[in-house]
Amino acid sequence: MDRHNYEKTIDLVSTLVEPLGYECVEIEWDGAEETLRVFIDHPDGIKMEDCLKVNEVLIESLELDSLVKRDYRLEVSSPGIERPLRRRDHFIKHLGQSVHVRLLSKVENRMEGSGKLLGIDQDDIVSLELPAGVWAFPLQTIRKAHVVFEW
């Protein structure tokens, strides 16, 4: 799934699940398994019943089918303890925690790193404290990011 369809799919799923009280945290397309994974959250957490409720709404969406454009399997689940980070408010909520980030292209001579999330400023510049120092990069350059659970 290309970046444009990814964004359109997240927007569509968000409009379908928000009236039910859920947040679409992230989606993933697994081309090898032809599976669309949708990660949802709710202030009270996610139970199996929540996943089933969202699954029923999404499975009926012809618009979602038209975005995916092939037969696919739908999986709906909680984001888990290593929750994906995609939006500004996700980063704000997890300030001070360990995160892992992979970018679309190099910024400050690196594309990937793990460290303490220091902040996100008014210009959407994210800062991580890495062993080699502070690494700052624009939010829109992130390919994938998630919280790193420390055992």
N, C-alpha and C. Protein backbone atom coordinates (compact mmCIF):
# COMPACT_ATOMS: atom_id res chain seq x y z
N MET A 1 0.86 -1.17 0.00
CA MET A 1 0.00 0.00 0.00
C MET A 1 0.90 1.23 0.00
N ASP A 2 0.69 2.10 -0.98
CA ASP A 2 1.52 3.30 -1.05
C ASP A 2 1.10 4.31 0.02
N ARG A 3 1.93 5.32 0.20
CA ARG A 3 1.72 6.32 1.26
C ARG A 3 0.37 7.04 1.12
N HIS A 4 -0.01 7.34 -0.12
CA HIS A 4 -1.28 8.04 -0.36
C HIS A 4 -2.47 7.18 0.08
N ASN A 5 -2.49 5.91 -0.34
CA ASN A 5 -3.58 5.01 0.07
C ASN A 5 -3.55 4.74 1.57
N TYR A 6 -2.35 4.68 2.14
CA TYR A 6 -2.20 4.49 3.58
C TYR A 6 -2.92 5.62 4.32
N GLU A 7 -2.63 6.86 3.93
CA GLU A 7 -3.25 8.02 4.60
C GLU A 7 -4.76 8.04 4.38
N LYS A 8 -5.20 7.75 3.16
CA LYS A 8 -6.63 7.73 2.86
C LYS A 8 -7.33 6.63 3.67
N THR A 9 -6.67 5.49 3.83
CA THR A 9 -7.26 4.38 4.58
C THR A 9 -7.37 4.74 6.07
N ILE A 10 -6.33 5.32 6.63
CA ILE A 10 -6.38 5.75 8.03
C ILE A 10 -7.50 6.78 8.23
N ASP A 11 -7.60 7.74 7.32
CA ASP A 11 -8.66 8.75 7.43
C ASP A 11 -10.04 8.11 7.38
N LEU A 12 -10.24 7.18 6.45
CA LEU A 12 -11.54 6.51 6.33
C LEU A 12 -11.85 5.70 7.58
N VAL A 13 -10.90 4.88 8.01
CA VAL A 13 -11.12 4.06 9.20
C VAL A 13 -11.42 4.95 10.41
N SER A 14 -10.70 6.05 10.54
CA SER A 14 -10.94 6.98 11.65
C SER A 14 -12.37 7.51 11.62
N THR A 15 -12.85 7.90 10.44
CA THR A 15 -14.22 8.43 10.36
C THR A 15 -15.26 7.36 10.69
N LEU A 16 -14.93 6.11 10.45
CA LEU A 16 -15.87 5.02 10.74
C LEU A 16 -15.87 4.61 12.21
N VAL A 17 -14.70 4.68 12.88
CA VAL A 17 -14.62 4.19 14.26
C VAL A 17 -14.79 5.27 15.32
N GLU A 18 -14.49 6.52 14.99
CA GLU A 18 -14.61 7.59 15.99
C GLU A 18 -16.03 7.77 16.52
N PRO A 19 -17.08 7.66 15.68
CA PRO A 19 -18.44 7.77 16.24
C PRO A 19 -18.76 6.67 17.26
N LEU A 20 -18.01 5.57 17.21
CA LEU A 20 -18.20 4.48 18.18
C LEU A 20 -17.38 4.70 19.45
N GLY A 21 -16.56 5.77 19.47
CA GLY A 21 -15.75 6.09 20.64
C GLY A 21 -14.33 5.56 20.59
N TYR A 22 -13.88 5.10 19.41
CA TYR A 22 -12.54 4.52 19.28
C TYR A 22 -11.63 5.44 18.48
N GLU A 23 -10.35 5.27 18.69
CA GLU A 23 -9.33 5.97 17.91
C GLU A 23 -8.65 4.95 17.02
N CYS A 24 -8.48 5.29 15.75
CA CYS A 24 -7.66 4.46 14.86
C CYS A 24 -6.21 4.90 15.10
N VAL A 25 -5.45 4.06 15.78
CA VAL A 25 -4.07 4.40 16.12
C VAL A 25 -3.16 4.20 14.92
N GLU A 26 -3.39 3.12 14.19
CA GLU A 26 -2.49 2.76 13.08
C GLU A 26 -3.17 1.71 12.23
N ILE A 27 -2.72 1.60 10.99
CA ILE A 27 -3.07 0.46 10.14
C ILE A 27 -1.79 -0.10 9.56
N GLU A 28 -1.83 -1.35 9.19
CA GLU A 28 -0.71 -2.00 8.51
C GLU A 28 -1.27 -2.85 7.37
N TRP A 29 -0.59 -2.84 6.26
CA TRP A 29 -0.95 -3.72 5.15
C TRP A 29 0.14 -4.77 5.03
N ASP A 30 -0.24 -6.04 5.15
CA ASP A 30 0.68 -7.16 4.96
C ASP A 30 0.35 -7.77 3.61
N GLY A 31 1.12 -7.40 2.61
CA GLY A 31 0.87 -7.86 1.25
C GLY A 31 1.05 -9.36 1.08
N ALA A 32 2.00 -9.93 1.81
CA ALA A 32 2.24 -11.37 1.69
C ALA A 32 1.03 -12.18 2.17
N GLU A 33 0.39 -11.69 3.23
CA GLU A 33 -0.77 -12.39 3.78
C GLU A 33 -2.09 -11.75 3.32
N GLU A 34 -1.98 -10.66 2.52
CA GLU A 34 -3.15 -9.91 2.08
C GLU A 34 -4.07 -9.59 3.26
N THR A 35 -3.46 -8.99 4.28
CA THR A 35 -4.16 -8.68 5.53
C THR A 35 -4.05 -7.20 5.84
N LEU A 36 -5.20 -6.59 6.14
CA LEU A 36 -5.24 -5.22 6.63
C LEU A 36 -5.42 -5.30 8.13
N ARG A 37 -4.42 -4.80 8.87
CA ARG A 37 -4.49 -4.78 10.33
C ARG A 37 -4.85 -3.36 10.78
N VAL A 38 -5.84 -3.27 11.63
CA VAL A 38 -6.30 -2.00 12.15
C VAL A 38 -6.12 -2.03 13.66
N PHE A 39 -5.39 -1.04 14.18
CA PHE A 39 -5.14 -0.96 15.61
C PHE A 39 -5.99 0.17 16.19
N ILE A 40 -6.82 -0.16 17.16
CA ILE A 40 -7.74 0.81 17.76
C ILE A 40 -7.44 0.98 19.24
N ASP A 41 -7.87 2.11 19.77
CA ASP A 41 -7.71 2.35 21.20
C ASP A 41 -8.95 3.07 21.73
N HIS A 42 -9.09 3.03 23.05
CA HIS A 42 -10.21 3.64 23.75
C HIS A 42 -9.68 4.01 25.14
N PRO A 43 -10.15 5.10 25.74
CA PRO A 43 -9.65 5.49 27.06
C PRO A 43 -9.77 4.38 28.11
N ASP A 44 -10.75 3.51 27.98
CA ASP A 44 -10.92 2.40 28.93
C ASP A 44 -10.18 1.14 28.50
N GLY A 45 -9.38 1.22 27.45
CA GLY A 45 -8.70 0.04 26.94
C GLY A 45 -9.55 -0.68 25.90
N ILE A 46 -9.00 -1.76 25.38
CA ILE A 46 -9.66 -2.52 24.32
C ILE A 46 -9.89 -3.95 24.77
N LYS A 47 -11.12 -4.41 24.56
CA LYS A 47 -11.49 -5.80 24.84
C LYS A 47 -11.88 -6.46 23.52
N MET A 48 -12.04 -7.76 23.54
CA MET A 48 -12.42 -8.50 22.34
C MET A 48 -13.72 -7.96 21.75
N GLU A 49 -14.67 -7.61 22.61
CA GLU A 49 -15.96 -7.09 22.13
C GLU A 49 -15.78 -5.81 21.31
N ASP A 50 -14.80 -4.98 21.72
CA ASP A 50 -14.52 -3.75 20.99
C ASP A 50 -14.01 -4.07 19.58
N CYS A 51 -13.11 -5.02 19.50
CA CYS A 51 -12.56 -5.42 18.21
C CYS A 51 -13.65 -5.97 17.30
N LEU A 52 -14.54 -6.76 17.86
CA LEU A 52 -15.63 -7.33 17.07
C LEU A 52 -16.58 -6.24 16.57
N LYS A 53 -16.86 -5.25 17.43
CA LYS A 53 -17.76 -4.15 17.05
C LYS A 53 -17.15 -3.35 15.88
N VAL A 54 -15.87 -3.03 15.99
CA VAL A 54 -15.20 -2.27 14.93
C VAL A 54 -15.09 -3.12 13.67
N ASN A 55 -14.80 -4.40 13.82
CA ASN A 55 -14.71 -5.30 12.67
C ASN A 55 -16.03 -5.30 11.88
N GLU A 56 -17.16 -5.35 12.58
CA GLU A 56 -18.47 -5.36 11.92
C GLU A 56 -18.67 -4.11 11.09
N VAL A 57 -18.26 -2.96 11.62
CA VAL A 57 -18.43 -1.70 10.88
C VAL A 57 -17.51 -1.67 9.66
N LEU A 58 -16.26 -2.07 9.84
CA LEU A 58 -15.29 -1.99 8.74
C LEU A 58 -15.60 -2.99 7.64
N ILE A 59 -16.04 -4.17 8.00
CA ILE A 59 -16.30 -5.23 7.03
C ILE A 59 -17.45 -4.84 6.09
N GLU A 60 -18.32 -3.94 6.55
CA GLU A 60 -19.46 -3.50 5.74
C GLU A 60 -19.12 -2.29 4.86
N SER A 61 -17.92 -1.74 4.99
CA SER A 61 -17.56 -0.52 4.27
C SER A 61 -17.12 -0.81 2.83
N LEU A 62 -17.96 -0.44 1.89
CA LEU A 62 -17.60 -0.58 0.48
C LEU A 62 -16.47 0.37 0.10
N GLU A 63 -16.44 1.51 0.77
CA GLU A 63 -15.38 2.49 0.52
C GLU A 63 -14.01 1.92 0.92
N LEU A 64 -13.96 1.19 2.03
CA LEU A 64 -12.71 0.54 2.44
C LEU A 64 -12.31 -0.51 1.42
N ASP A 65 -13.27 -1.28 0.96
CA ASP A 65 -12.99 -2.28 -0.08
C ASP A 65 -12.42 -1.63 -1.33
N SER A 66 -12.93 -0.47 -1.70
CA SER A 66 -12.45 0.19 -2.92
C SER A 66 -11.03 0.73 -2.75
N LEU A 67 -10.63 1.05 -1.51
CA LEU A 67 -9.25 1.51 -1.27
C LEU A 67 -8.26 0.34 -1.33
N VAL A 68 -8.67 -0.80 -0.80
CA VAL A 68 -7.76 -1.95 -0.78
C VAL A 68 -7.68 -2.61 -2.16
N LYS A 69 -8.78 -2.65 -2.90
CA LYS A 69 -8.83 -3.10 -4.30
C LYS A 69 -8.45 -4.55 -4.53
N ARG A 70 -8.64 -5.41 -3.55
CA ARG A 70 -8.40 -6.85 -3.70
C ARG A 70 -9.05 -7.55 -2.54
N ASP A 71 -9.16 -8.86 -2.63
CA ASP A 71 -9.65 -9.62 -1.48
C ASP A 71 -8.61 -9.50 -0.38
N TYR A 72 -9.06 -9.33 0.84
CA TYR A 72 -8.13 -9.19 1.96
C TYR A 72 -8.77 -9.71 3.23
N ARG A 73 -7.91 -10.01 4.17
CA ARG A 73 -8.37 -10.40 5.51
C ARG A 73 -8.25 -9.17 6.40
N LEU A 74 -9.24 -8.97 7.26
CA LEU A 74 -9.25 -7.82 8.16
C LEU A 74 -8.97 -8.31 9.57
N GLU A 75 -8.01 -7.66 10.24
CA GLU A 75 -7.72 -7.94 11.65
C GLU A 75 -7.83 -6.63 12.42
N VAL A 76 -8.57 -6.64 13.51
CA VAL A 76 -8.72 -5.46 14.37
C VAL A 76 -8.20 -5.83 15.75
N SER A 77 -7.31 -4.99 16.31
CA SER A 77 -6.76 -5.31 17.62
C SER A 77 -6.35 -4.04 18.36
N SER A 78 -5.95 -4.25 19.60
CA SER A 78 -5.39 -3.21 20.44
C SER A 78 -3.99 -2.87 19.92
N PRO A 79 -3.51 -1.65 20.17
CA PRO A 79 -2.15 -1.32 19.75
C PRO A 79 -1.07 -2.02 20.58
N GLY A 80 -1.44 -2.57 21.74
CA GLY A 80 -0.47 -3.29 22.56
C GLY A 80 0.43 -2.36 23.36
N ILE A 81 1.36 -2.96 24.11
CA ILE A 81 2.23 -2.15 24.98
C ILE A 81 3.31 -1.40 24.19
N GLU A 82 3.67 -1.90 23.02
CA GLU A 82 4.62 -1.18 22.17
C GLU A 82 3.83 -0.44 21.10
N ARG A 83 2.96 0.39 21.59
CA ARG A 83 1.98 1.14 20.80
C ARG A 83 2.63 1.96 19.69
N PRO A 84 2.06 1.91 18.47
CA PRO A 84 2.56 2.77 17.39
C PRO A 84 2.33 4.24 17.72
N LEU A 85 3.22 5.07 17.23
CA LEU A 85 3.11 6.52 17.37
C LEU A 85 3.04 7.11 15.97
N ARG A 86 2.00 7.86 15.69
CA ARG A 86 1.81 8.39 14.35
C ARG A 86 1.52 9.88 14.35
N ARG A 87 0.71 10.33 15.27
CA ARG A 87 0.28 11.73 15.29
C ARG A 87 0.98 12.50 16.39
N ARG A 88 0.92 13.82 16.29
CA ARG A 88 1.50 14.73 17.28
C ARG A 88 1.05 14.38 18.69
N ASP A 89 -0.27 14.17 18.89
CA ASP A 89 -0.78 13.88 20.23
C ASP A 89 -0.26 12.55 20.76
N HIS A 90 0.06 11.60 19.88
CA HIS A 90 0.66 10.34 20.34
C HIS A 90 2.02 10.62 20.97
N PHE A 91 2.81 11.47 20.31
CA PHE A 91 4.15 11.79 20.84
C PHE A 91 4.06 12.57 22.14
N ILE A 92 3.14 13.50 22.22
CA ILE A 92 2.97 14.29 23.45
C ILE A 92 2.61 13.37 24.62
N LYS A 93 1.73 12.43 24.38
CA LYS A 93 1.26 11.51 25.43
C LYS A 93 2.40 10.63 25.97
N HIS A 94 3.42 10.38 25.16
CA HIS A 94 4.49 9.46 25.55
C HIS A 94 5.83 10.13 25.79
N LEU A 95 5.81 11.43 26.10
CA LEU A 95 7.05 12.15 26.42
C LEU A 95 7.77 11.46 27.59
N GLY A 96 9.08 11.38 27.47
CA GLY A 96 9.89 10.77 28.53
C GLY A 96 10.03 9.26 28.41
N GLN A 97 9.29 8.64 27.52
CA GLN A 97 9.37 7.19 27.35
C GLN A 97 10.37 6.82 26.26
N SER A 98 10.77 5.56 26.26
CA SER A 98 11.64 5.06 25.20
C SER A 98 10.82 4.76 23.96
N VAL A 99 11.34 5.21 22.82
CA VAL A 99 10.67 4.98 21.54
C VAL A 99 11.68 4.55 20.50
N HIS A 100 11.17 3.90 19.46
CA HIS A 100 11.99 3.54 18.30
C HIS A 100 11.37 4.21 17.09
N VAL A 101 12.21 4.83 16.25
CA VAL A 101 11.73 5.58 15.10
C VAL A 101 12.50 5.16 13.86
N ARG A 102 11.77 5.00 12.75
CA ARG A 102 12.37 4.75 11.43
C ARG A 102 11.82 5.82 10.50
N LEU A 103 12.73 6.53 9.80
CA LEU A 103 12.32 7.62 8.92
C LEU A 103 12.23 7.19 7.46
N LEU A 104 11.60 8.03 6.66
CA LEU A 104 11.50 7.80 5.22
C LEU A 104 12.82 8.06 4.52
N SER A 105 13.60 9.02 5.06
CA SER A 105 14.91 9.34 4.50
C SER A 105 15.80 9.86 5.63
N LYS A 106 17.09 9.96 5.36
CA LYS A 106 18.03 10.37 6.39
C LYS A 106 17.82 11.81 6.84
N VAL A 107 17.92 12.00 8.15
CA VAL A 107 17.94 13.32 8.77
C VAL A 107 19.11 13.28 9.75
N GLU A 108 19.98 14.26 9.65
CA GLU A 108 21.20 14.29 10.47
C GLU A 108 21.98 12.98 10.32
N ASN A 109 22.04 12.50 9.10
CA ASN A 109 22.86 11.34 8.73
C ASN A 109 22.39 10.01 9.31
N ARG A 110 21.10 9.92 9.68
CA ARG A 110 20.58 8.64 10.18
C ARG A 110 19.13 8.50 9.77
N MET A 111 18.69 7.24 9.69
CA MET A 111 17.30 6.94 9.33
C MET A 111 16.54 6.24 10.45
N GLU A 112 17.26 5.78 11.48
CA GLU A 112 16.61 4.97 12.50
C GLU A 112 17.32 5.17 13.83
N GLY A 113 16.54 5.08 14.91
CA GLY A 113 17.13 5.18 16.23
C GLY A 113 16.13 4.91 17.33
N SER A 114 16.68 4.56 18.49
CA SER A 114 15.88 4.33 19.69
C SER A 114 16.43 5.19 20.81
N GLY A 115 15.52 5.78 21.58
CA GLY A 115 15.96 6.61 22.69
C GLY A 115 14.79 7.21 23.43
N LYS A 116 15.10 8.07 24.37
CA LYS A 116 14.09 8.73 25.20
C LYS A 116 13.45 9.86 24.39
N LEU A 117 12.12 9.88 24.37
CA LEU A 117 11.39 10.93 23.66
C LEU A 117 11.44 12.20 24.51
N LEU A 118 12.16 13.20 24.00
CA LEU A 118 12.34 14.46 24.73
C LEU A 118 11.22 15.45 24.47
N GLY A 119 10.71 15.46 23.25
CA GLY A 119 9.65 16.41 22.96
C GLY A 119 9.28 16.50 21.51
N ILE A 120 8.25 17.32 21.26
CA ILE A 120 7.83 17.69 19.92
C ILE A 120 7.45 19.17 20.01
N ASP A 121 8.11 20.00 19.20
CA ASP A 121 7.89 21.44 19.32
C ASP A 121 6.72 21.92 18.46
N GLN A 122 6.48 23.22 18.46
CA GLN A 122 5.34 23.80 17.75
C GLN A 122 5.45 23.62 16.24
N ASP A 123 6.65 23.36 15.73
CA ASP A 123 6.85 23.12 14.30
C ASP A 123 6.85 21.62 13.97
N ASP A 124 6.42 20.80 14.92
CA ASP A 124 6.37 19.34 14.77
C ASP A 124 7.75 18.72 14.54
N ILE A 125 8.76 19.27 15.22
CA ILE A 125 10.10 18.67 15.22
C ILE A 125 10.19 17.79 16.46
N VAL A 126 10.42 16.49 16.24
CA VAL A 126 10.52 15.51 17.31
C VAL A 126 11.98 15.43 17.76
N SER A 127 12.21 15.32 19.07
CA SER A 127 13.57 15.19 19.60
C SER A 127 13.68 13.92 20.42
N LEU A 128 14.72 13.14 20.12
CA LEU A 128 15.03 11.93 20.88
C LEU A 128 16.41 12.06 21.49
N GLU A 129 16.56 11.56 22.70
CA GLU A 129 17.87 11.49 23.33
C GLU A 129 18.44 10.12 23.04
N LEU A 130 19.49 10.09 22.21
CA LEU A 130 20.18 8.85 21.84
C LEU A 130 21.51 8.78 22.58
N PRO A 131 22.14 7.62 22.63
CA PRO A 131 23.46 7.54 23.27
C PRO A 131 24.47 8.53 22.66
N ALA A 132 24.32 8.82 21.36
CA ALA A 132 25.26 9.73 20.69
C ALA A 132 24.86 11.20 20.80
N GLY A 133 23.74 11.49 21.46
CA GLY A 133 23.27 12.87 21.59
C GLY A 133 21.83 13.02 21.15
N VAL A 134 21.38 14.25 21.06
CA VAL A 134 19.99 14.53 20.68
C VAL A 134 19.84 14.46 19.17
N TRP A 135 18.79 13.78 18.73
CA TRP A 135 18.46 13.66 17.31
C TRP A 135 17.10 14.31 17.10
N ALA A 136 17.04 15.28 16.20
CA ALA A 136 15.78 15.98 15.93
C ALA A 136 15.41 15.81 14.47
N PHE A 137 14.11 15.62 14.20
CA PHE A 137 13.63 15.37 12.84
C PHE A 137 12.15 15.75 12.77
N PRO A 138 11.68 16.12 11.57
CA PRO A 138 10.28 16.49 11.41
C PRO A 138 9.35 15.27 11.54
N LEU A 139 8.21 15.49 12.16
CA LEU A 139 7.21 14.45 12.34
C LEU A 139 6.84 13.81 11.00
N GLN A 140 6.69 14.62 9.95
CA GLN A 140 6.24 14.08 8.67
C GLN A 140 7.27 13.19 7.97
N THR A 141 8.50 13.11 8.50
CA THR A 141 9.51 12.24 7.89
C THR A 141 9.47 10.82 8.49
N ILE A 142 8.58 10.59 9.46
CA ILE A 142 8.54 9.29 10.12
C ILE A 142 7.84 8.26 9.25
N ARG A 143 8.51 7.15 9.03
CA ARG A 143 7.89 6.01 8.35
C ARG A 143 7.12 5.18 9.38
N LYS A 144 7.78 4.91 10.51
CA LYS A 144 7.18 4.11 11.56
C LYS A 144 7.82 4.48 12.90
N ALA A 145 6.99 4.51 13.95
CA ALA A 145 7.51 4.77 15.29
C ALA A 145 6.64 4.02 16.29
N HIS A 146 7.27 3.61 17.38
CA HIS A 146 6.50 2.93 18.44
C HIS A 146 7.20 3.08 19.77
N VAL A 147 6.39 2.93 20.83
CA VAL A 147 6.91 2.91 22.19
C VAL A 147 7.72 1.63 22.36
N VAL A 148 8.83 1.73 23.09
CA VAL A 148 9.63 0.53 23.41
C VAL A 148 9.37 0.20 24.87
N PHE A 149 8.75 -0.93 25.11
CA PHE A 149 8.46 -1.35 26.48
C PHE A 149 9.75 -1.85 27.11
N GLU A 150 10.07 -1.32 28.29
CA GLU A 150 11.28 -1.73 29.00
C GLU A 150 10.93 -2.74 30.06
N TRP A 151 11.41 -3.96 29.87
CA TRP A 151 11.07 -5.08 30.76
C TRP A 151 11.77 -4.94 32.06
